[in-house]
């Protein structure tokens, strides 16, 4: 199955095509072929947690529902795992290549169905209650209860995707209360200041960025080391700086993260913005595990500069209309 990841603006483009908006005319062919591919079971457009998040921030109910309608139709509620469970497996595999253990790296299902796949059992999910029926539903024909349960799941999934900022605010959460993006910007500003103060250029910037990233993932690395009977101090004592850089690069999603961050730090005229947070945390997983990623031109350029497309055999596009060629080629093979 061909897996195609769309960032938020690309979903908006297809939603405009689906609703006949004049700005969506150039994407009509892409939508038509996408629908055909999904109907044939040959193509999947998985959503990640950040699509739920970005969609829920959209205030206008009608425009949000237009996007959700397109997401539901093309994704079929296919979803991708969160970054950190995937990172745990990537660390285990990197340690196995380095030390020959763990014998059994942790397993993660990259793709699945719905928010429960994303939440990995951490969500309090409503179950179908048949207690009001005679015999607690025992009289239902075989298979009907499972069909009803599936319908309940689908309804809950759709409600989660359609929920807007007013719904979240009514449940005690406001998007404006989240400061992750701003904290991300402040952190990258500190990194940029350190790079400038030390006059770092070229590969030295890459080393500095990866060093700061290793600080971010240190708890996950320490946990993985504990699983193979090694302390963090033993690991650091036995590895060179070059070896540590190679270890970080051997973690696929962190490699992509640091390609993006390094490229941005080289372009000092472009300041870090809160919107960068969503891209830097969202794009690494699909860039590694999907076949096609359609995102902003700046990130396509930077990911290609970092040879991410070659390293992970990923097609990178900045225009969802170009999906037509990909889908035509896929259908011919």
Protein backbone atom coordinates (compact mmCIF):
# COMPACT_ATOMS: atom_id res chain seq x y z
CA UNK A 1 0.00 0.00 0.00
CA UNK A 2 1.31 3.43 -0.98
CA UNK A 3 1.27 5.72 2.06
CA UNK A 4 1.01 9.45 1.37
CA UNK A 5 1.34 12.03 4.14
CA UNK A 6 -0.16 15.49 3.71
CA UNK A 7 0.56 18.43 5.95
CA UNK A 8 -2.30 20.66 7.00
CA UNK A 9 -2.26 23.09 4.08
CA UNK A 10 -2.32 20.21 1.60
CA UNK A 11 -5.44 18.79 3.23
CA UNK A 12 -6.97 22.25 2.88
CA UNK A 13 -6.09 22.22 -0.84
CA UNK A 14 -7.91 18.92 -1.36
CA UNK A 15 -10.86 20.08 0.75
CA UNK A 16 -11.19 23.11 -1.50
CA UNK A 17 -11.19 20.84 -4.54
CA UNK A 18 -13.87 18.66 -2.91
CA UNK A 19 -16.14 21.64 -2.23
CA UNK A 20 -15.67 23.27 -5.63
CA UNK A 21 -13.76 26.25 -4.29
CA UNK A 22 -12.01 28.21 -7.03
CA UNK A 23 -8.68 27.85 -5.21
CA UNK A 24 -9.10 24.10 -5.38
CA UNK A 25 -9.52 23.70 -9.12
CA UNK A 26 -5.87 22.87 -9.74
CA UNK A 27 -6.13 19.98 -7.26
CA UNK A 28 -9.23 18.31 -8.75
CA UNK A 29 -7.29 15.65 -10.64
CA UNK A 30 -5.25 14.82 -7.55
CA UNK A 31 -8.44 14.41 -5.52
CA UNK A 32 -10.05 12.20 -8.17
CA UNK A 33 -7.05 9.87 -8.38
CA UNK A 34 -6.64 9.86 -4.60
CA UNK A 35 -10.25 8.76 -4.20
CA UNK A 36 -9.77 6.02 -6.77
CA UNK A 37 -6.60 4.77 -5.10
CA UNK A 38 -8.22 4.69 -1.67
CA UNK A 39 -11.32 2.91 -3.03
CA UNK A 40 -9.07 0.28 -4.61
CA UNK A 41 -7.20 -0.22 -1.34
CA UNK A 42 -3.91 0.72 -3.02
CA UNK A 43 -3.34 4.08 -1.32
CA UNK A 44 -3.52 5.30 2.27
CA UNK A 45 -3.46 8.87 3.54
CA UNK A 46 -2.66 8.38 7.24
CA UNK A 47 -3.25 11.07 9.84
CA UNK A 48 -1.01 11.80 12.80
CA UNK A 49 -1.74 13.43 16.13
CA UNK A 50 -0.69 16.79 14.70
CA UNK A 51 -3.44 16.67 12.05
CA UNK A 52 -5.99 16.27 14.86
CA UNK A 53 -4.34 19.14 16.72
CA UNK A 54 -4.07 21.53 13.77
CA UNK A 55 -7.61 20.75 12.60
CA UNK A 56 -9.05 21.33 16.06
CA UNK A 57 -7.56 24.85 16.12
CA UNK A 58 -9.63 25.88 13.09
CA UNK A 59 -12.37 28.15 14.44
CA UNK A 60 -14.82 28.25 11.56
CA UNK A 61 -17.05 25.19 11.88
CA UNK A 62 -17.90 24.97 8.20
CA UNK A 63 -14.34 25.19 6.90
CA UNK A 64 -13.16 22.77 9.62
CA UNK A 65 -15.87 20.27 8.65
CA UNK A 66 -14.89 20.58 4.98
CA UNK A 67 -11.33 19.60 5.87
CA UNK A 68 -12.53 16.81 8.17
CA UNK A 69 -14.85 15.42 5.50
CA UNK A 70 -11.88 15.12 3.13
CA UNK A 71 -9.66 13.66 5.83
CA UNK A 72 -12.22 11.01 6.75
CA UNK A 73 -12.87 10.09 3.14
CA UNK A 74 -9.23 9.67 2.15
CA UNK A 75 -7.67 8.51 5.43
CA UNK A 76 -10.35 5.95 6.29
CA UNK A 77 -9.17 6.80 9.81
CA UNK A 78 -5.72 5.32 9.15
CA UNK A 79 -3.24 6.83 11.59
CA UNK A 80 0.47 6.89 12.46
CA UNK A 81 2.19 6.19 15.74
CA UNK A 82 3.56 8.95 17.94
CA UNK A 83 7.25 9.88 17.54
CA UNK A 84 8.55 8.70 20.92
CA UNK A 85 7.39 5.05 20.80
CA UNK A 86 9.05 4.86 17.38
CA UNK A 87 12.17 6.49 18.83
CA UNK A 88 12.32 3.80 21.56
CA UNK A 89 12.47 1.12 18.87
CA UNK A 90 14.99 3.09 16.84
CA UNK A 91 17.27 3.39 19.88
CA UNK A 92 16.99 -0.35 20.57
CA UNK A 93 17.92 -1.12 16.96
CA UNK A 94 20.85 1.32 17.02
CA UNK A 95 22.15 -0.24 20.25
CA UNK A 96 21.75 -3.69 18.73
CA UNK A 97 23.87 -2.63 15.76
CA UNK A 98 26.44 -1.14 18.14
CA UNK A 99 26.58 -3.74 20.92
CA UNK A 100 24.64 -6.74 19.64
CA UNK A 101 21.83 -6.20 22.13
CA UNK A 102 18.99 -5.99 23.07
CA UNK A 103 18.18 -9.37 21.61
CA UNK A 104 14.56 -8.37 21.16
CA UNK A 105 14.10 -4.66 20.32
CA UNK A 106 10.80 -3.13 21.31
CA UNK A 107 8.14 -3.44 18.64
CA UNK A 108 5.87 -0.61 17.49
CA UNK A 109 3.10 -0.65 14.93
CA UNK A 110 3.81 2.34 12.71
CA UNK A 111 0.33 2.44 11.18
CA UNK A 112 -3.09 1.52 12.49
CA UNK A 113 -6.64 2.74 12.82
CA UNK A 114 -7.81 5.79 14.72
CA UNK A 115 -6.79 7.71 17.79
CA UNK A 116 -6.48 4.51 19.80
CA UNK A 117 -3.55 3.53 17.57
CA UNK A 118 -2.00 6.91 18.31
CA UNK A 119 -2.75 6.73 22.03
CA UNK A 120 -1.46 3.16 22.43
CA UNK A 121 -4.07 2.23 25.00
CA UNK A 122 -3.56 5.37 27.10
CA UNK A 123 -6.99 6.76 26.23
CA UNK A 124 -10.14 6.14 28.25
CA UNK A 125 -12.25 4.85 25.38
CA UNK A 126 -16.07 4.47 25.59
CA UNK A 127 -17.23 0.91 25.05
CA UNK A 128 -20.52 -0.28 23.57
CA UNK A 129 -23.00 -0.78 26.42
CA UNK A 130 -25.63 -3.44 25.70
CA UNK A 131 -26.79 -3.80 29.28
CA UNK A 132 -30.16 -2.15 28.56
CA UNK A 133 -31.05 -4.82 25.99
CA UNK A 134 -32.76 -8.10 26.96
CA UNK A 135 -30.17 -10.51 28.22
CA UNK A 136 -27.53 -7.85 27.96
CA UNK A 137 -27.56 -8.13 24.19
CA UNK A 138 -27.20 -11.90 24.13
CA UNK A 139 -30.13 -12.12 21.74
CA UNK A 140 -28.39 -10.10 19.06
CA UNK A 141 -27.48 -12.02 15.89
CA UNK A 142 -23.84 -13.22 15.76
CA UNK A 143 -21.53 -10.46 14.60
CA UNK A 144 -24.02 -7.65 15.09
CA UNK A 145 -22.60 -6.56 18.43
CA UNK A 146 -19.12 -6.28 16.91
CA UNK A 147 -20.55 -4.25 14.02
CA UNK A 148 -22.28 -1.94 16.50
CA UNK A 149 -19.07 -1.61 18.49
CA UNK A 150 -17.20 -0.68 15.32
CA UNK A 151 -19.80 1.99 14.53
CA UNK A 152 -19.39 3.44 18.03
CA UNK A 153 -15.62 3.56 17.56
CA UNK A 154 -15.97 5.29 14.20
CA UNK A 155 -18.39 7.83 15.66
CA UNK A 156 -16.04 8.66 18.54
CA UNK A 157 -13.11 8.95 16.13
CA UNK A 158 -15.07 11.32 13.92
CA UNK A 159 -16.16 13.42 16.89
CA UNK A 160 -12.53 13.78 18.01
CA UNK A 161 -11.47 14.94 14.56
CA UNK A 162 -14.39 17.37 14.19
CA UNK A 163 -14.04 18.95 17.62
CA UNK A 164 -13.14 22.63 17.40
CA UNK A 165 -11.63 25.09 19.87
CA UNK A 166 -15.02 25.83 21.47
CA UNK A 167 -15.52 22.15 22.23
CA UNK A 168 -12.08 21.87 23.79
CA UNK A 169 -12.60 25.05 25.79
CA UNK A 170 -15.89 23.67 27.12
CA UNK A 171 -13.96 20.59 28.32
CA UNK A 172 -11.49 22.76 30.19
CA UNK A 173 -8.73 23.03 27.59
CA UNK A 174 -7.84 26.06 25.48
CA UNK A 175 -5.35 25.82 22.63
CA UNK A 176 -3.92 29.19 23.66
CA UNK A 177 -2.90 27.66 27.00
CA UNK A 178 -0.42 25.35 25.29
CA UNK A 179 3.05 26.89 25.30
CA UNK A 180 4.97 24.04 23.66
CA UNK A 181 5.52 25.98 20.44
CA UNK A 182 6.77 29.08 22.24
CA UNK A 183 9.10 27.05 24.45
CA UNK A 184 10.42 25.37 21.32
CA UNK A 185 11.13 28.79 19.77
CA UNK A 186 12.89 30.02 22.91
CA UNK A 187 15.05 26.89 23.00
CA UNK A 188 16.06 27.24 19.34
CA UNK A 189 16.84 30.92 19.92
CA UNK A 190 19.24 29.89 22.69
CA UNK A 191 20.86 27.35 20.36
CA UNK A 192 21.15 30.01 17.64
CA UNK A 193 22.75 32.44 20.12
CA UNK A 194 25.30 29.81 21.18
CA UNK A 195 26.11 29.03 17.53
CA UNK A 196 26.65 32.73 16.80
CA UNK A 197 28.65 33.37 19.97
CA UNK A 198 31.06 30.55 19.13
CA UNK A 199 31.27 31.47 15.44
CA UNK A 200 30.17 28.00 14.34
CA UNK A 201 29.75 27.28 10.64
CA UNK A 202 29.27 24.29 8.34
CA UNK A 203 29.61 20.88 9.99
CA UNK A 204 30.18 22.49 13.39
CA UNK A 205 26.55 23.63 13.31
CA UNK A 206 25.46 20.05 12.64
CA UNK A 207 27.46 18.83 15.63
CA UNK A 208 26.02 21.53 17.90
CA UNK A 209 22.45 20.79 16.81
CA UNK A 210 22.86 17.05 17.30
CA UNK A 211 24.43 17.63 20.71
CA UNK A 212 21.43 19.65 21.86
CA UNK A 213 19.12 17.00 20.42
CA UNK A 214 20.91 14.28 22.37
CA UNK A 215 20.11 16.21 25.53
CA UNK A 216 16.44 16.05 24.55
CA UNK A 217 16.41 12.29 23.99
CA UNK A 218 18.78 11.41 26.84
CA UNK A 219 15.99 10.00 29.08
CA UNK A 220 14.90 7.63 26.30
CA UNK A 221 18.52 6.60 25.64
CA UNK A 222 19.16 6.03 29.36
CA UNK A 223 16.06 3.85 29.61
CA UNK A 224 17.13 1.80 26.59
CA UNK A 225 20.66 1.40 27.99
CA UNK A 226 19.20 0.14 31.25
CA UNK A 227 17.41 -2.55 29.31
CA UNK A 228 20.76 -3.92 28.12
CA UNK A 229 22.46 -3.60 31.50
CA UNK A 230 24.51 -0.51 30.71
CA UNK A 231 24.51 2.85 32.46
CA UNK A 232 24.48 6.18 30.66
CA UNK A 233 27.92 6.94 32.13
CA UNK A 234 29.36 3.66 30.78
CA UNK A 235 27.93 4.43 27.37
CA UNK A 236 29.43 7.93 27.31
CA UNK A 237 32.82 6.76 28.62
CA UNK A 238 33.12 4.22 25.82
CA UNK A 239 32.16 6.37 22.84
CA UNK A 240 33.97 9.10 20.94
CA UNK A 241 32.37 12.34 19.81
CA UNK A 242 32.31 11.01 16.27
CA UNK A 243 30.78 7.78 17.48
CA UNK A 244 28.09 9.66 19.37
CA UNK A 245 27.24 11.72 16.29
CA UNK A 246 26.99 8.51 14.25
CA UNK A 247 24.74 6.97 16.91
CA UNK A 248 22.37 9.95 16.78
CA UNK A 249 22.33 9.80 12.98
CA UNK A 250 21.47 6.10 13.23
CA UNK A 251 18.10 7.07 14.75
CA UNK A 252 16.03 7.74 11.62
CA UNK A 253 13.44 10.17 12.98
CA UNK A 254 16.11 12.13 14.89
CA UNK A 255 18.25 12.27 11.77
CA UNK A 256 15.36 14.00 9.99
CA UNK A 257 14.70 16.26 12.97
CA UNK A 258 18.29 17.43 13.00
CA UNK A 259 18.45 17.91 9.23
CA UNK A 260 15.53 20.30 9.59
CA UNK A 261 16.94 22.09 12.61
CA UNK A 262 20.46 22.41 11.16
CA UNK A 263 19.16 23.81 7.88
CA UNK A 264 17.09 26.39 9.72
CA UNK A 265 20.02 27.42 11.91
CA UNK A 266 22.16 28.00 8.83
CA UNK A 267 19.58 30.43 7.43
CA UNK A 268 20.02 33.09 10.09
CA UNK A 269 17.84 35.57 8.20
CA UNK A 270 14.82 33.31 8.83
CA UNK A 271 13.76 33.55 12.46
CA UNK A 272 12.27 30.66 14.39
CA UNK A 273 8.48 30.88 14.58
CA UNK A 274 5.90 28.92 16.61
CA UNK A 275 4.62 27.34 13.39
CA UNK A 276 8.03 25.71 12.95
CA UNK A 277 7.30 23.58 16.01
CA UNK A 278 4.47 21.67 14.32
CA UNK A 279 6.64 20.95 11.28
CA UNK A 280 9.76 19.87 13.17
CA UNK A 281 7.83 17.47 15.42
CA UNK A 282 5.41 16.21 12.74
CA UNK A 283 7.48 15.65 9.59
CA UNK A 284 10.22 13.24 10.78
CA UNK A 285 7.90 10.24 11.25
CA UNK A 286 6.25 10.38 7.80
CA UNK A 287 9.56 11.33 6.15
CA UNK A 288 10.96 8.01 7.38
CA UNK A 289 7.96 5.69 7.32
CA UNK A 290 5.69 6.98 4.53
CA UNK A 291 6.32 6.63 0.80
CA UNK A 292 5.34 10.20 -0.08
CA UNK A 293 5.37 13.42 1.95
CA UNK A 294 3.69 16.59 0.69
CA UNK A 295 4.66 19.66 2.70
CA UNK A 296 5.90 23.23 2.45
CA UNK A 297 8.48 24.12 -0.19
CA UNK A 298 11.06 25.25 2.37
CA UNK A 299 11.01 21.88 4.14
CA UNK A 300 11.10 19.89 0.90
CA UNK A 301 14.20 21.85 -0.07
CA UNK A 302 15.88 21.32 3.28
CA UNK A 303 15.01 17.62 3.49
CA UNK A 304 16.42 17.09 0.02
CA UNK A 305 19.57 18.97 1.01
CA UNK A 306 19.92 16.49 3.87
CA UNK A 307 19.37 13.60 1.42
CA UNK A 308 16.40 12.41 3.47
CA UNK A 309 14.59 11.35 0.30
CA UNK A 310 17.48 9.10 -0.74
CA UNK A 311 18.22 7.81 2.74
CA UNK A 312 14.65 6.62 3.36
CA UNK A 313 13.41 6.26 -0.23
CA UNK A 314 10.76 8.92 0.32
CA UNK A 315 9.22 11.06 -2.42
CA UNK A 316 9.11 14.70 -1.28
CA UNK A 317 6.62 17.08 -2.90
CA UNK A 318 5.55 20.66 -2.18
CA UNK A 319 2.39 20.67 -4.33
CA UNK A 320 -0.42 18.20 -3.80
CA UNK A 321 -1.26 18.44 -7.51
CA UNK A 322 2.01 16.56 -8.14
CA UNK A 323 0.51 13.53 -6.39
CA UNK A 324 -1.15 12.82 -9.75
CA UNK A 325 2.14 11.66 -11.28
CA UNK A 326 2.91 9.51 -8.25
CA UNK A 327 -0.49 7.84 -8.33
CA UNK A 328 -0.38 7.25 -12.08
CA UNK A 329 3.09 5.70 -11.80
CA UNK A 330 1.99 3.53 -8.87
CA UNK A 331 -1.08 2.27 -10.73
CA UNK A 332 1.10 1.25 -13.67
CA UNK A 333 3.46 -0.91 -11.60
